[in-house]
């Protein structure tokens, strides 16, 4: 049996430590991480950050807002020292 979380970048061990639901990683975001070579940067983040980014992005009501949030996440992963506009 192959157990995994709905987000392939969050391990079962990490998921067990989260106090909230693990949000599935949408295919388009996974592809953007791959195309922009940011999978390793995303993987380095703590589980709560990976999960919060996805929740925040997927809860956007408008596509424009969703895209803005995706771009912010990608920018923050690229810089490596920001999380939700705060120093990390």
Protein backbone atom coordinates (compact mmCIF):
# COMPACT_ATOMS: atom_id res chain seq x y z
CA UNK A 1 0.00 0.00 0.00
CA UNK A 2 1.44 3.34 -1.06
CA UNK A 3 0.32 5.99 1.38
CA UNK A 4 0.83 9.62 0.50
CA UNK A 5 -0.66 13.00 1.24
CA UNK A 6 -2.70 15.02 -1.28
CA UNK A 7 0.39 17.24 -1.64
CA UNK A 8 3.39 15.22 -2.88
CA UNK A 9 5.75 17.75 -1.30
CA UNK A 10 4.39 17.09 2.21
CA UNK A 11 5.44 13.76 3.72
CA UNK A 12 3.13 11.64 5.86
CA UNK A 13 5.34 12.45 8.84
CA UNK A 14 5.02 16.20 8.20
CA UNK A 15 1.28 15.88 7.58
CA UNK A 16 0.87 14.13 10.93
CA UNK A 17 2.28 17.20 12.66
CA UNK A 18 -0.12 19.65 11.00
CA UNK A 19 -3.15 20.65 13.03
CA UNK A 20 -5.22 21.44 9.95
CA UNK A 21 -6.26 19.71 6.75
CA UNK A 22 -3.56 18.99 4.16
CA UNK A 23 -4.61 20.75 0.96
CA UNK A 24 -4.11 18.99 -2.38
CA UNK A 25 -1.52 20.51 -4.69
CA UNK A 26 -3.28 21.60 -7.91
CA UNK A 27 -1.69 20.27 -11.11
CA UNK A 28 -1.11 23.75 -12.53
CA UNK A 29 0.85 24.82 -9.45
CA UNK A 30 2.93 21.64 -9.50
CA UNK A 31 3.72 22.30 -13.17
CA UNK A 32 4.71 25.90 -12.40
CA UNK A 33 7.05 24.70 -9.64
CA UNK A 34 8.64 22.29 -12.12
CA UNK A 35 8.86 24.75 -15.04
CA UNK A 36 10.42 27.39 -12.79
CA UNK A 37 12.76 24.84 -11.15
CA UNK A 38 11.35 25.69 -7.73
CA UNK A 39 10.37 22.20 -6.52
CA UNK A 40 13.45 22.00 -4.27
CA UNK A 41 12.81 25.44 -2.80
CA UNK A 42 9.17 24.53 -2.13
CA UNK A 43 10.23 21.19 -0.63
CA UNK A 44 12.65 22.94 1.78
CA UNK A 45 9.82 24.93 3.36
CA UNK A 46 8.15 23.66 6.53
CA UNK A 47 4.95 21.67 5.98
CA UNK A 48 2.77 24.45 7.39
CA UNK A 49 4.15 26.93 4.82
CA UNK A 50 3.66 24.54 1.89
CA UNK A 51 0.14 23.81 3.05
CA UNK A 52 -0.72 27.45 3.79
CA UNK A 53 0.45 28.61 0.37
CA UNK A 54 -1.85 26.10 -1.34
CA UNK A 55 -4.82 26.88 0.91
CA UNK A 56 -4.33 30.62 0.38
CA UNK A 57 -4.08 30.25 -3.40
CA UNK A 58 -7.01 27.86 -3.81
CA UNK A 59 -9.34 29.94 -1.64
CA UNK A 60 -9.11 32.92 -3.99
CA UNK A 61 -12.55 33.78 -5.35
CA UNK A 62 -11.34 35.41 -8.57
CA UNK A 63 -8.85 34.03 -11.08
CA UNK A 64 -7.00 37.36 -11.03
CA UNK A 65 -6.47 37.02 -7.27
CA UNK A 66 -5.40 33.39 -7.66
CA UNK A 67 -2.77 34.35 -10.26
CA UNK A 68 -1.50 37.19 -8.09
CA UNK A 69 -1.08 34.78 -5.16
CA UNK A 70 0.67 32.19 -7.32
CA UNK A 71 3.08 34.86 -8.56
CA UNK A 72 3.77 35.98 -5.00
CA UNK A 73 4.52 32.41 -3.93
CA UNK A 74 6.85 31.88 -6.90
CA UNK A 75 8.63 35.19 -6.20
CA UNK A 76 9.06 34.30 -2.53
CA UNK A 77 10.39 30.84 -3.36
CA UNK A 78 12.81 32.41 -5.84
CA UNK A 79 14.11 34.92 -3.29
CA UNK A 80 14.24 32.18 -0.65
CA UNK A 81 13.93 34.55 2.29
CA UNK A 82 10.26 35.58 2.24
CA UNK A 83 7.01 33.93 3.33
CA UNK A 84 3.70 35.75 2.97
CA UNK A 85 5.62 39.03 2.55
CA UNK A 86 7.51 38.48 5.81
CA UNK A 87 11.16 37.66 6.34
CA UNK A 88 11.69 33.93 6.57
